[in-house]
């Protein structure tokens, strides 16, 4: 269905949206979308760092006493 829109169809849709909502409303909406994307990327990177920190801390959980027993 959406495969056959093409450039003229997209331009028509853009003009209709611009007429209905106005330039100011669209620019504020796009600003909010940008803030949302930025917050999402920050959340993903924070959770990735947290996951890496937790896996780094969980790599060697063997107590020191058992390590010395294994060496002997």
PDB file of N, CA and C in Angstrom:
ATOM      1  N   UNK A   1       0.810  -1.183   0.000  1.00  0.00           N
ATOM      2  CA  UNK A   1       0.000   0.000   0.000  1.00  0.00           C
ATOM      3  C   UNK A   1       0.861   1.259   0.000  1.00  0.00           C
ATOM      4  N   UNK A   2       1.849   1.330   0.889  1.00  0.00           N
ATOM      5  CA  UNK A   2       2.704   2.509   0.975  1.00  0.00           C
ATOM      6  C   UNK A   2       3.873   2.460  -0.005  1.00  0.00           C
ATOM      7  N   UNK A   3       3.987   1.382  -0.748  1.00  0.00           N
ATOM      8  CA  UNK A   3       5.099   1.258  -1.686  1.00  0.00           C
ATOM      9  C   UNK A   3       4.960   2.195  -2.873  1.00  0.00           C
ATOM     10  N   UNK A   4       3.756   2.617  -3.208  1.00  0.00           N
ATOM     11  CA  UNK A   4       3.530   3.394  -4.418  1.00  0.00           C
ATOM     12  C   UNK A   4       3.263   4.871  -4.157  1.00  0.00           C
ATOM     13  N   UNK A   5       3.630   5.391  -2.990  1.00  0.00           N
ATOM     14  CA  UNK A   5       3.361   6.803  -2.695  1.00  0.00           C
ATOM     15  C   UNK A   5       4.236   7.698  -3.567  1.00  0.00           C
ATOM     16  N   UNK A   6       5.515   7.495  -3.542  1.00  0.00           N
ATOM     17  CA  UNK A   6       6.430   8.286  -4.359  1.00  0.00           C
ATOM     18  C   UNK A   6       6.648   9.689  -3.816  1.00  0.00           C
ATOM     19  N   UNK A   7       7.478  10.443  -4.500  1.00  0.00           N
ATOM     20  CA  UNK A   7       7.830  11.788  -4.073  1.00  0.00           C
ATOM     21  C   UNK A   7       6.652  12.759  -4.147  1.00  0.00           C
ATOM     22  N   UNK A   8       5.862  12.762  -5.223  1.00  0.00           N
ATOM     23  CA  UNK A   8       4.722  13.691  -5.246  1.00  0.00           C
ATOM     24  C   UNK A   8       3.722  13.441  -4.120  1.00  0.00           C
ATOM     25  N   UNK A   9       3.498  12.213  -3.789  1.00  0.00           N
ATOM     26  CA  UNK A   9       2.584  11.882  -2.700  1.00  0.00           C
ATOM     27  C   UNK A   9       3.112  12.353  -1.357  1.00  0.00           C
ATOM     28  N   UNK A  10       4.410  12.166  -1.130  1.00  0.00           N
ATOM     29  CA  UNK A  10       5.017  12.631   0.112  1.00  0.00           C
ATOM     30  C   UNK A  10       4.962  14.151   0.219  1.00  0.00           C
ATOM     31  N   UNK A  11       5.207  14.841  -0.896  1.00  0.00           N
ATOM     32  CA  UNK A  11       5.123  16.305  -0.888  1.00  0.00           C
ATOM     33  C   UNK A  11       3.699  16.767  -0.587  1.00  0.00           C
ATOM     34  N   UNK A  12       2.723  16.103  -1.154  1.00  0.00           N
ATOM     35  CA  UNK A  12       1.331  16.444  -0.897  1.00  0.00           C
ATOM     36  C   UNK A  12       0.980  16.245   0.576  1.00  0.00           C
ATOM     37  N   UNK A  13       1.421  15.147   1.142  1.00  0.00           N
ATOM     38  CA  UNK A  13       1.175  14.878   2.559  1.00  0.00           C
ATOM     39  C   UNK A  13       1.845  15.945   3.422  1.00  0.00           C
ATOM     40  N   UNK A  14       3.085  16.316   3.083  1.00  0.00           N
ATOM     41  CA  UNK A  14       3.804  17.348   3.845  1.00  0.00           C
ATOM     42  C   UNK A  14       3.077  18.686   3.791  1.00  0.00           C
ATOM     43  N   UNK A  15       2.572  19.060   2.621  1.00  0.00           N
ATOM     44  CA  UNK A  15       1.850  20.323   2.480  1.00  0.00           C
ATOM     45  C   UNK A  15       0.559  20.297   3.291  1.00  0.00           C
ATOM     46  N   UNK A  16      -0.163  19.197   3.265  1.00  0.00           N
ATOM     47  CA  UNK A  16      -1.412  19.083   4.024  1.00  0.00           C
ATOM     48  C   UNK A  16      -1.140  19.177   5.523  1.00  0.00           C
ATOM     49  N   UNK A  17      -0.102  18.499   5.986  1.00  0.00           N
ATOM     50  CA  UNK A  17       0.250  18.554   7.407  1.00  0.00           C
ATOM     51  C   UNK A  17       0.651  19.973   7.791  1.00  0.00           C
ATOM     52  N   UNK A  18       1.416  20.649   6.942  1.00  0.00           N
ATOM     53  CA  UNK A  18       1.836  22.017   7.213  1.00  0.00           C
ATOM     54  C   UNK A  18       0.635  22.958   7.282  1.00  0.00           C
ATOM     55  N   UNK A  19      -0.306  22.780   6.400  1.00  0.00           N
ATOM     56  CA  UNK A  19      -1.502  23.634   6.401  1.00  0.00           C
ATOM     57  C   UNK A  19      -2.353  23.359   7.639  1.00  0.00           C
ATOM     58  N   UNK A  20      -2.505  22.104   8.016  1.00  0.00           N
ATOM     59  CA  UNK A  20      -3.351  21.763   9.152  1.00  0.00           C
ATOM     60  C   UNK A  20      -2.771  22.215  10.488  1.00  0.00           C
ATOM     61  N   UNK A  21      -1.485  22.018  10.688  1.00  0.00           N
ATOM     62  CA  UNK A  21      -0.889  22.265  11.997  1.00  0.00           C
ATOM     63  C   UNK A  21      -0.110  23.575  12.082  1.00  0.00           C
ATOM     64  N   UNK A  22       0.371  24.098  11.003  1.00  0.00           N
ATOM     65  CA  UNK A  22       1.151  25.324  11.039  1.00  0.00           C
ATOM     66  C   UNK A  22       2.621  25.048  11.318  1.00  0.00           C
ATOM     67  N   UNK A  23       3.457  26.001  10.905  1.00  0.00           N
ATOM     68  CA  UNK A  23       4.896  25.809  11.008  1.00  0.00           C
ATOM     69  C   UNK A  23       5.370  25.756  12.457  1.00  0.00           C
ATOM     70  N   UNK A  24       4.828  26.595  13.320  1.00  0.00           N
ATOM     71  CA  UNK A  24       5.262  26.638  14.717  1.00  0.00           C
ATOM     72  C   UNK A  24       4.969  25.360  15.462  1.00  0.00           C
ATOM     73  N   UNK A  25       3.797  24.813  15.236  1.00  0.00           N
ATOM     74  CA  UNK A  25       3.418  23.579  15.926  1.00  0.00           C
ATOM     75  C   UNK A  25       4.289  22.405  15.468  1.00  0.00           C
ATOM     76  N   UNK A  26       4.572  22.355  14.185  1.00  0.00           N
ATOM     77  CA  UNK A  26       5.398  21.264  13.663  1.00  0.00           C
ATOM     78  C   UNK A  26       6.824  21.361  14.187  1.00  0.00           C
ATOM     79  N   UNK A  27       7.383  22.593  14.241  1.00  0.00           N
ATOM     80  CA  UNK A  27       8.751  22.739  14.726  1.00  0.00           C
ATOM     81  C   UNK A  27       8.854  22.377  16.206  1.00  0.00           C
ATOM     82  N   UNK A  28       7.851  22.744  17.000  1.00  0.00           N
ATOM     83  CA  UNK A  28       7.883  22.365  18.417  1.00  0.00           C
ATOM     84  C   UNK A  28       7.724  20.851  18.571  1.00  0.00           C
ATOM     85  N   UNK A  29       6.901  20.246  17.723  1.00  0.00           N
ATOM     86  CA  UNK A  29       6.727  18.797  17.769  1.00  0.00           C
ATOM     87  C   UNK A  29       8.031  18.082  17.409  1.00  0.00           C
ATOM     88  N   UNK A  30       8.721  18.574  16.392  1.00  0.00           N
ATOM     89  CA  UNK A  30       9.990  17.961  16.003  1.00  0.00           C
ATOM     90  C   UNK A  30      11.056  18.152  17.087  1.00  0.00           C
ATOM     91  N   UNK A  31      10.995  19.287  17.787  1.00  0.00           N
ATOM     92  CA  UNK A  31      11.908  19.497  18.911  1.00  0.00           C
ATOM     93  C   UNK A  31      11.681  18.477  20.011  1.00  0.00           C
ATOM     94  N   UNK A  32      10.425  18.200  20.291  1.00  0.00           N
ATOM     95  CA  UNK A  32      10.103  17.195  21.311  1.00  0.00           C
ATOM     96  C   UNK A  32      10.523  15.797  20.866  1.00  0.00           C
ATOM     97  N   UNK A  33      10.351  15.510  19.589  1.00  0.00           N
ATOM     98  CA  UNK A  33      10.790  14.207  19.066  1.00  0.00           C
ATOM     99  C   UNK A  33      12.314  14.079  19.213  1.00  0.00           C
ATOM    100  N   UNK A  34      13.034  15.156  18.911  1.00  0.00           N
ATOM    101  CA  UNK A  34      14.492  15.139  19.061  1.00  0.00           C
ATOM    102  C   UNK A  34      14.915  14.927  20.497  1.00  0.00           C
ATOM    103  N   UNK A  35      14.225  15.584  21.437  1.00  0.00           N
ATOM    104  CA  UNK A  35      14.535  15.392  22.851  1.00  0.00           C
ATOM    105  C   UNK A  35      14.261  13.949  23.274  1.00  0.00           C
ATOM    106  N   UNK A  36      13.186  13.380  22.746  1.00  0.00           N
ATOM    107  CA  UNK A  36      12.858  11.993  23.070  1.00  0.00           C
ATOM    108  C   UNK A  36      13.906  11.017  22.550  1.00  0.00           C
ATOM    109  N   UNK A  37      14.373  11.258  21.340  1.00  0.00           N
ATOM    110  CA  UNK A  37      15.411  10.396  20.767  1.00  0.00           C
ATOM    111  C   UNK A  37      16.697  10.505  21.570  1.00  0.00           C
ATOM    112  N   UNK A  38      17.053  11.747  21.957  1.00  0.00           N
ATOM    113  CA  UNK A  38      18.262  11.958  22.753  1.00  0.00           C
ATOM    114  C   UNK A  38      18.149  11.250  24.099  1.00  0.00           C
ATOM    115  N   UNK A  39      16.999  11.356  24.750  1.00  0.00           N
ATOM    116  CA  UNK A  39      16.799  10.683  26.034  1.00  0.00           C
ATOM    117  C   UNK A  39      16.860   9.168  25.874  1.00  0.00           C
ATOM    118  N   UNK A  40      16.308   8.656  24.790  1.00  0.00           N
ATOM    119  CA  UNK A  40      16.352   7.208  24.544  1.00  0.00           C
ATOM    120  C   UNK A  40      17.794   6.736  24.359  1.00  0.00           C
ATOM    121  N   UNK A  41      18.573   7.472  23.560  1.00  0.00           N
ATOM    122  CA  UNK A  41      19.971   7.095  23.336  1.00  0.00           C
ATOM    123  C   UNK A  41      20.767   7.154  24.631  1.00  0.00           C
ATOM    124  N   UNK A  42      20.503   8.169  25.465  1.00  0.00           N
ATOM    125  CA  UNK A  42      21.202   8.285  26.742  1.00  0.00           C
ATOM    126  C   UNK A  42      20.840   7.115  27.644  1.00  0.00           C
ATOM    127  N   UNK A  43      19.575   6.744  27.667  1.00  0.00           N
ATOM    128  CA  UNK A  43      19.141   5.609  28.477  1.00  0.00           C
ATOM    129  C   UNK A  43      19.773   4.304  28.027  1.00  0.00           C
ATOM    130  N   UNK A  44      19.875   4.123  26.718  1.00  0.00           N
ATOM    131  CA  UNK A  44      20.493   2.906  26.195  1.00  0.00           C
ATOM    132  C   UNK A  44      21.970   2.857  26.564  1.00  0.00           C
ATOM    133  N   UNK A  45      22.678   3.984  26.415  1.00  0.00           N
ATOM    134  CA  UNK A  45      24.107   3.987  26.731  1.00  0.00           C
ATOM    135  C   UNK A  45      24.333   3.811  28.232  1.00  0.00           C
ATOM    136  N   UNK A  46      23.475   4.426  29.070  1.00  0.00           N
ATOM    137  CA  UNK A  46      23.603   4.253  30.520  1.00  0.00           C
ATOM    138  C   UNK A  46      23.380   2.805  30.925  1.00  0.00           C
ATOM    139  N   UNK A  47      22.368   2.179  30.352  1.00  0.00           N
ATOM    140  CA  UNK A  47      22.100   0.786  30.707  1.00  0.00           C
ATOM    141  C   UNK A  47      23.203  -0.128  30.187  1.00  0.00           C
ATOM    142  N   UNK A  48      23.780   0.207  29.043  1.00  0.00           N
ATOM    143  CA  UNK A  48      24.889  -0.583  28.513  1.00  0.00           C
ATOM    144  C   UNK A  48      26.102  -0.482  29.432  1.00  0.00           C
ATOM    145  N   UNK A  49      26.403   0.743  29.911  1.00  0.00           N
ATOM    146  CA  UNK A  49      27.515   0.915  30.848  1.00  0.00           C
ATOM    147  C   UNK A  49      27.250   0.175  32.154  1.00  0.00           C
ATOM    148  N   UNK A  50      26.018   0.237  32.634  1.00  0.00           N
ATOM    149  CA  UNK A  50      25.666  -0.452  33.871  1.00  0.00           C
ATOM    150  C   UNK A  50      25.805  -1.962  33.702  1.00  0.00           C
ATOM    151  N   UNK A  51      25.388  -2.475  32.568  1.00  0.00           N
ATOM    152  CA  UNK A  51      25.520  -3.909  32.303  1.00  0.00           C
ATOM    153  C   UNK A  51      26.980  -4.318  32.233  1.00  0.00           C
ATOM    154  N   UNK A  52      27.804  -3.504  31.569  1.00  0.00           N
ATOM    155  CA  UNK A  52      29.234  -3.807  31.487  1.00  0.00           C
ATOM    156  C   UNK A  52      29.883  -3.774  32.860  1.00  0.00           C
ATOM    157  N   UNK A  53      29.493  -2.796  33.703  1.00  0.00           N
ATOM    158  CA  UNK A  53      30.044  -2.716  35.053  1.00  0.00           C
ATOM    159  C   UNK A  53      29.646  -3.931  35.884  1.00  0.00           C
ATOM    160  N   UNK A  54      28.397  -4.353  35.757  1.00  0.00           N
ATOM    161  CA  UNK A  54      27.946  -5.494  36.548  1.00  0.00           C
ATOM    162  C   UNK A  54      28.596  -6.789  36.074  1.00  0.00           C
ATOM    163  N   UNK A  55      28.834  -6.928  34.773  1.00  0.00           N
ATOM    164  CA  UNK A  55      29.499  -8.140  34.298  1.00  0.00           C
ATOM    165  C   UNK A  55      30.974  -8.124  34.669  1.00  0.00           C
ATOM    166  N   UNK A  56      31.592  -6.936  34.714  1.00  0.00           N
ATOM    167  CA  UNK A  56      32.989  -6.855  35.121  1.00  0.00           C
ATOM    168  C   UNK A  56      33.129  -7.219  36.591  1.00  0.00           C
ATOM    169  N   UNK A  57      32.183  -6.823  37.416  1.00  0.00           N
ATOM    170  CA  UNK A  57      32.223  -7.138  38.840  1.00  0.00           C
ATOM    171  C   UNK A  57      31.875  -8.608  39.081  1.00  0.00           C
ATOM    172  N   UNK A  58      31.108  -9.217  38.195  1.00  0.00           N
ATOM    173  CA  UNK A  58      30.662 -10.593  38.405  1.00  0.00           C
ATOM    174  C   UNK A  58      31.582 -11.625  37.762  1.00  0.00           C
ATOM    175  N   UNK A  59      32.612 -11.194  37.088  1.00  0.00           N
ATOM    176  CA  UNK A  59      33.491 -12.161  36.401  1.00  0.00           C
ATOM    177  C   UNK A  59      34.207 -13.079  37.381  1.00  0.00           C
ATOM    178  N   UNK A  60      34.790 -12.512  38.445  1.00  0.00           N
ATOM    179  CA  UNK A  60      35.552 -13.319  39.384  1.00  0.00           C
ATOM    180  C   UNK A  60      34.940 -13.175  40.762  1.00  0.00           C
ATOM    181  N   UNK A  61      34.085 -14.110  41.111  1.00  0.00           N
ATOM    182  CA  UNK A  61      33.404 -14.056  42.393  1.00  0.00           C
ATOM    183  C   UNK A  61      33.925 -15.110  43.358  1.00  0.00           C
ATOM    184  N   UNK A  62      34.985 -15.791  42.994  1.00  0.00           N
ATOM    185  CA  UNK A  62      35.553 -16.822  43.847  1.00  0.00           C
ATOM    186  C   UNK A  62      36.265 -16.163  45.024  1.00  0.00           C
ATOM    187  N   UNK A  63      35.967 -16.590  46.238  1.00  0.00           N
ATOM    188  CA  UNK A  63      36.663 -16.016  47.408  1.00  0.00           C
ATOM    189  C   UNK A  63      38.161 -16.293  47.348  1.00  0.00           C
ATOM    190  N   UNK A  64      38.926 -15.446  48.001  1.00  0.00           N
ATOM    191  CA  UNK A  64      40.392 -15.572  47.977  1.00  0.00           C
ATOM    192  C   UNK A  64      40.856 -16.889  48.584  1.00  0.00           C
ATOM    193  N   UNK A  65      40.156 -17.398  49.602  1.00  0.00           N
ATOM    194  CA  UNK A  65      40.543 -18.655  50.242  1.00  0.00           C
ATOM    195  C   UNK A  65      40.507 -19.812  49.251  1.00  0.00           C
ATOM    196  N   UNK A  66      39.479 -19.874  48.442  1.00  0.00           N
ATOM    197  CA  UNK A  66      39.355 -20.962  47.474  1.00  0.00           C
ATOM    198  C   UNK A  66      40.372 -20.835  46.354  1.00  0.00           C
ATOM    199  N   UNK A  67      40.742 -19.622  45.992  1.00  0.00           N
ATOM    200  CA  UNK A  67      41.763 -19.431  44.969  1.00  0.00           C
ATOM    201  C   UNK A  67      43.094 -19.992  45.434  1.00  0.00           C
ATOM    202  N   UNK A  68      43.427 -19.739  46.701  1.00  0.00           N
ATOM    203  CA  UNK A  68      44.694 -20.246  47.243  1.00  0.00           C
ATOM    204  C   UNK A  68      44.670 -21.765  47.345  1.00  0.00           C
ATOM    205  N   UNK A  69      43.511 -22.367  47.655  1.00  0.00           N
ATOM    206  CA  UNK A  69      43.389 -23.816  47.706  1.00  0.00           C
ATOM    207  C   UNK A  69      43.577 -24.443  46.335  1.00  0.00           C
ATOM    208  N   UNK A  70      43.053 -23.777  45.302  1.00  0.00           N
ATOM    209  CA  UNK A  70      43.177 -24.305  43.952  1.00  0.00           C
ATOM    210  C   UNK A  70      44.620 -24.252  43.472  1.00  0.00           C
ATOM    211  N   UNK A  71      45.377 -23.255  43.885  1.00  0.00           N
ATOM    212  CA  UNK A  71      46.767 -23.118  43.463  1.00  0.00           C
ATOM    213  C   UNK A  71      47.639 -24.197  44.103  1.00  0.00           C
ATOM    214  N   UNK A  72      47.299 -24.623  45.301  1.00  0.00           N
ATOM    215  CA  UNK A  72      48.116 -25.586  46.025  1.00  0.00           C
ATOM    216  C   UNK A  72      47.941 -26.970  45.568  1.00  0.00           C
TER     217      UNK A  72
END
